[in-house]
Amino acid sequence: MIVYAECSFFIPMVANLKEKRSILKRMTDRTKNSYNVSVAEIDHQDLWQRTTIGLVATASSKDAAEREVRRAIRFLESNPEWELSNLTLDYY
């Protein structure tokens, strides 16, 4: 089973792309190292106060893959430097 999530975040405190990339890199690296998911910025690379992150998990059951993706999303949401603005989940 494959579970795919798209998370859009608003980053109000950054003033340029360098600050955004610093936050994004730190959070994506921590997510990759802590959870069994693949993570990448998939949209808004050129906007400094917005980002969309894609997460993918694969497992033998839908529940296991979804559980891992949801744990990773909760971790991303816990960062006080940004706010989750949109979330979609898809199952394949």
N, C-alpha and C. Protein backbone atom coordinates (compact mmCIF):
# COMPACT_ATOMS: atom_id res chain seq x y z
N MET A 1 0.84 -1.18 0.00
CA MET A 1 0.00 0.00 0.00
C MET A 1 0.88 1.24 0.00
N ILE A 2 0.46 2.26 -0.70
CA ILE A 2 1.19 3.53 -0.76
C ILE A 2 0.27 4.63 -0.25
N VAL A 3 0.77 5.45 0.65
CA VAL A 3 0.03 6.61 1.15
C VAL A 3 0.85 7.85 0.80
N TYR A 4 0.19 8.81 0.19
CA TYR A 4 0.82 10.05 -0.26
C TYR A 4 0.11 11.23 0.39
N ALA A 5 0.88 12.16 0.91
CA ALA A 5 0.30 13.36 1.52
C ALA A 5 0.98 14.59 0.94
N GLU A 6 0.18 15.65 0.78
CA GLU A 6 0.69 16.97 0.42
C GLU A 6 0.33 17.91 1.55
N CYS A 7 1.34 18.59 2.09
CA CYS A 7 1.15 19.53 3.19
C CYS A 7 1.63 20.90 2.73
N SER A 8 0.75 21.87 2.77
CA SER A 8 1.13 23.25 2.45
C SER A 8 1.30 24.02 3.75
N PHE A 9 2.37 24.78 3.82
CA PHE A 9 2.67 25.55 5.01
C PHE A 9 2.86 27.03 4.67
N PHE A 10 2.45 27.89 5.60
CA PHE A 10 2.72 29.32 5.55
C PHE A 10 3.80 29.60 6.58
N ILE A 11 4.85 30.32 6.17
CA ILE A 11 5.99 30.59 7.04
C ILE A 11 6.07 32.11 7.26
N PRO A 12 5.37 32.64 8.26
CA PRO A 12 5.23 34.09 8.39
C PRO A 12 6.48 34.85 8.82
N MET A 13 7.40 34.21 9.50
CA MET A 13 8.53 34.93 10.09
C MET A 13 9.75 35.06 9.19
N VAL A 14 9.77 34.44 8.02
CA VAL A 14 10.94 34.51 7.16
C VAL A 14 10.90 35.75 6.28
N ALA A 15 12.08 36.26 5.95
CA ALA A 15 12.17 37.47 5.13
C ALA A 15 12.81 37.22 3.77
N ASN A 16 13.30 36.00 3.54
CA ASN A 16 13.92 35.70 2.25
C ASN A 16 13.98 34.19 2.03
N LEU A 17 14.39 33.80 0.83
CA LEU A 17 14.44 32.37 0.49
C LEU A 17 15.49 31.62 1.30
N LYS A 18 16.57 32.29 1.67
CA LYS A 18 17.61 31.63 2.46
C LYS A 18 17.07 31.17 3.81
N GLU A 19 16.31 32.01 4.47
CA GLU A 19 15.71 31.64 5.76
C GLU A 19 14.71 30.50 5.58
N LYS A 20 13.90 30.59 4.53
CA LYS A 20 12.92 29.53 4.26
C LYS A 20 13.62 28.21 4.04
N ARG A 21 14.65 28.20 3.22
CA ARG A 21 15.36 26.96 2.90
C ARG A 21 16.03 26.36 4.13
N SER A 22 16.48 27.21 5.03
CA SER A 22 17.08 26.73 6.27
C SER A 22 16.06 25.97 7.12
N ILE A 23 14.89 26.54 7.29
CA ILE A 23 13.81 25.89 8.05
C ILE A 23 13.38 24.61 7.34
N LEU A 24 13.18 24.70 6.04
CA LEU A 24 12.71 23.56 5.26
C LEU A 24 13.71 22.41 5.30
N LYS A 25 14.97 22.70 5.11
CA LYS A 25 15.99 21.65 5.12
C LYS A 25 16.05 20.97 6.49
N ARG A 26 16.04 21.76 7.54
CA ARG A 26 16.10 21.20 8.89
C ARG A 26 14.92 20.26 9.15
N MET A 27 13.72 20.69 8.78
CA MET A 27 12.53 19.89 9.05
C MET A 27 12.44 18.65 8.13
N THR A 28 12.80 18.78 6.87
CA THR A 28 12.74 17.61 5.99
C THR A 28 13.81 16.59 6.38
N ASP A 29 14.99 17.03 6.76
CA ASP A 29 16.03 16.10 7.19
C ASP A 29 15.62 15.37 8.46
N ARG A 30 15.07 16.08 9.42
CA ARG A 30 14.61 15.44 10.66
C ARG A 30 13.48 14.45 10.39
N THR A 31 12.59 14.81 9.50
CA THR A 31 11.47 13.92 9.17
C THR A 31 11.99 12.64 8.50
N LYS A 32 12.90 12.78 7.55
CA LYS A 32 13.47 11.61 6.87
C LYS A 32 14.19 10.70 7.87
N ASN A 33 14.90 11.29 8.82
CA ASN A 33 15.67 10.51 9.77
C ASN A 33 14.82 9.87 10.86
N SER A 34 13.66 10.44 11.15
CA SER A 34 12.84 9.96 12.26
C SER A 34 11.69 9.06 11.84
N TYR A 35 11.25 9.15 10.60
CA TYR A 35 10.08 8.41 10.15
C TYR A 35 10.39 7.68 8.86
N ASN A 36 9.68 6.62 8.60
CA ASN A 36 9.90 5.81 7.41
C ASN A 36 9.10 6.38 6.24
N VAL A 37 9.45 7.60 5.84
CA VAL A 37 8.77 8.29 4.74
C VAL A 37 9.80 8.96 3.84
N SER A 38 9.40 9.22 2.62
CA SER A 38 10.19 10.05 1.71
C SER A 38 9.56 11.44 1.73
N VAL A 39 10.41 12.47 1.70
CA VAL A 39 9.95 13.85 1.84
C VAL A 39 10.64 14.73 0.81
N ALA A 40 9.87 15.64 0.19
CA ALA A 40 10.46 16.60 -0.75
C ALA A 40 9.55 17.82 -0.86
N GLU A 41 10.18 18.98 -1.10
CA GLU A 41 9.40 20.17 -1.41
C GLU A 41 8.94 20.01 -2.86
N ILE A 42 7.63 20.13 -3.09
CA ILE A 42 7.10 19.87 -4.42
C ILE A 42 6.48 21.09 -5.09
N ASP A 43 6.34 22.19 -4.34
CA ASP A 43 5.76 23.40 -4.94
C ASP A 43 6.19 24.63 -4.15
N HIS A 44 6.09 25.77 -4.78
CA HIS A 44 6.40 27.08 -4.18
C HIS A 44 7.88 27.23 -3.84
N GLN A 45 8.76 26.65 -4.63
CA GLN A 45 10.19 26.76 -4.37
C GLN A 45 10.69 28.20 -4.46
N ASP A 46 10.02 29.03 -5.24
CA ASP A 46 10.48 30.40 -5.44
C ASP A 46 9.76 31.42 -4.56
N LEU A 47 8.84 30.96 -3.71
CA LEU A 47 8.14 31.86 -2.80
C LEU A 47 8.71 31.70 -1.40
N TRP A 48 9.01 32.80 -0.73
CA TRP A 48 9.70 32.69 0.54
C TRP A 48 8.80 32.49 1.75
N GLN A 49 7.51 32.67 1.66
CA GLN A 49 6.65 32.44 2.82
C GLN A 49 5.68 31.27 2.64
N ARG A 50 5.87 30.49 1.59
CA ARG A 50 4.99 29.33 1.36
C ARG A 50 5.83 28.14 0.91
N THR A 51 5.35 26.96 1.24
CA THR A 51 5.96 25.73 0.74
C THR A 51 4.92 24.63 0.72
N THR A 52 5.10 23.69 -0.17
CA THR A 52 4.28 22.48 -0.19
C THR A 52 5.23 21.31 -0.16
N ILE A 53 5.00 20.42 0.79
CA ILE A 53 5.85 19.26 0.99
C ILE A 53 5.06 18.01 0.65
N GLY A 54 5.69 17.11 -0.08
CA GLY A 54 5.09 15.82 -0.37
C GLY A 54 5.73 14.75 0.50
N LEU A 55 4.90 13.87 1.05
CA LEU A 55 5.36 12.75 1.87
C LEU A 55 4.79 11.46 1.29
N VAL A 56 5.61 10.42 1.26
CA VAL A 56 5.16 9.12 0.77
C VAL A 56 5.66 8.04 1.70
N ALA A 57 4.77 7.09 2.01
CA ALA A 57 5.15 5.91 2.78
C ALA A 57 4.58 4.69 2.09
N THR A 58 5.34 3.60 2.12
CA THR A 58 4.86 2.34 1.59
C THR A 58 4.92 1.30 2.71
N ALA A 59 3.94 0.41 2.71
CA ALA A 59 3.88 -0.66 3.71
C ALA A 59 2.99 -1.77 3.18
N SER A 60 3.00 -2.89 3.86
CA SER A 60 2.17 -4.01 3.42
C SER A 60 0.69 -3.78 3.69
N SER A 61 0.38 -2.85 4.60
CA SER A 61 -1.03 -2.54 4.87
C SER A 61 -1.26 -1.03 4.80
N LYS A 62 -2.47 -0.67 4.46
CA LYS A 62 -2.85 0.74 4.40
C LYS A 62 -2.68 1.40 5.76
N ASP A 63 -3.09 0.70 6.82
CA ASP A 63 -3.02 1.27 8.17
C ASP A 63 -1.58 1.61 8.58
N ALA A 64 -0.65 0.74 8.29
CA ALA A 64 0.74 0.98 8.67
C ALA A 64 1.32 2.17 7.92
N ALA A 65 1.06 2.25 6.62
CA ALA A 65 1.57 3.36 5.82
C ALA A 65 0.92 4.67 6.25
N GLU A 66 -0.38 4.66 6.48
CA GLU A 66 -1.07 5.88 6.90
C GLU A 66 -0.60 6.33 8.28
N ARG A 67 -0.38 5.39 9.18
CA ARG A 67 0.09 5.73 10.52
C ARG A 67 1.45 6.45 10.46
N GLU A 68 2.34 5.95 9.61
CA GLU A 68 3.67 6.57 9.50
C GLU A 68 3.58 7.97 8.89
N VAL A 69 2.75 8.13 7.87
CA VAL A 69 2.57 9.46 7.26
C VAL A 69 1.96 10.42 8.26
N ARG A 70 0.96 10.00 8.99
CA ARG A 70 0.32 10.89 9.97
C ARG A 70 1.28 11.26 11.11
N ARG A 71 2.13 10.34 11.52
CA ARG A 71 3.14 10.67 12.55
C ARG A 71 4.10 11.74 12.02
N ALA A 72 4.52 11.60 10.77
CA ALA A 72 5.42 12.58 10.16
C ALA A 72 4.74 13.94 10.03
N ILE A 73 3.46 13.94 9.67
CA ILE A 73 2.72 15.20 9.54
C ILE A 73 2.60 15.88 10.90
N ARG A 74 2.30 15.12 11.94
CA ARG A 74 2.23 15.70 13.29
C ARG A 74 3.56 16.33 13.69
N PHE A 75 4.65 15.67 13.34
CA PHE A 75 5.96 16.24 13.62
C PHE A 75 6.16 17.55 12.87
N LEU A 76 5.82 17.57 11.58
CA LEU A 76 5.98 18.80 10.80
C LEU A 76 5.10 19.92 11.36
N GLU A 77 3.88 19.58 11.77
CA GLU A 77 2.98 20.58 12.35
C GLU A 77 3.50 21.15 13.66
N SER A 78 4.32 20.40 14.36
CA SER A 78 4.80 20.83 15.68
C SER A 78 5.81 21.98 15.60
N ASN A 79 6.31 22.27 14.42
CA ASN A 79 7.28 23.36 14.27
C ASN A 79 6.56 24.71 14.43
N PRO A 80 6.95 25.52 15.42
CA PRO A 80 6.28 26.81 15.63
C PRO A 80 6.62 27.87 14.59
N GLU A 81 7.58 27.57 13.70
CA GLU A 81 7.99 28.56 12.69
C GLU A 81 7.06 28.61 11.49
N TRP A 82 6.14 27.64 11.38
CA TRP A 82 5.21 27.65 10.25
C TRP A 82 3.85 27.13 10.66
N GLU A 83 2.87 27.36 9.78
CA GLU A 83 1.48 26.97 10.04
C GLU A 83 0.98 26.12 8.88
N LEU A 84 0.37 24.98 9.20
CA LEU A 84 -0.21 24.13 8.17
C LEU A 84 -1.43 24.84 7.58
N SER A 85 -1.45 25.00 6.25
CA SER A 85 -2.58 25.68 5.62
C SER A 85 -3.45 24.73 4.80
N ASN A 86 -2.89 23.58 4.37
CA ASN A 86 -3.68 22.63 3.60
C ASN A 86 -3.03 21.26 3.70
N LEU A 87 -3.89 20.23 3.73
CA LEU A 87 -3.40 18.85 3.82
C LEU A 87 -4.31 17.96 2.98
N THR A 88 -3.71 17.13 2.13
CA THR A 88 -4.46 16.13 1.39
C THR A 88 -3.76 14.79 1.52
N LEU A 89 -4.55 13.74 1.62
CA LEU A 89 -4.03 12.37 1.67
C LEU A 89 -4.61 11.57 0.52
N ASP A 90 -3.77 10.76 -0.13
CA ASP A 90 -4.22 9.87 -1.19
C ASP A 90 -3.67 8.48 -0.93
N TYR A 91 -4.42 7.47 -1.38
CA TYR A 91 -4.07 6.07 -1.17
C TYR A 91 -3.97 5.37 -2.52
N TYR A 92 -2.93 4.58 -2.67
CA TYR A 92 -2.73 3.84 -3.93
C TYR A 92 -2.45 2.39 -3.64
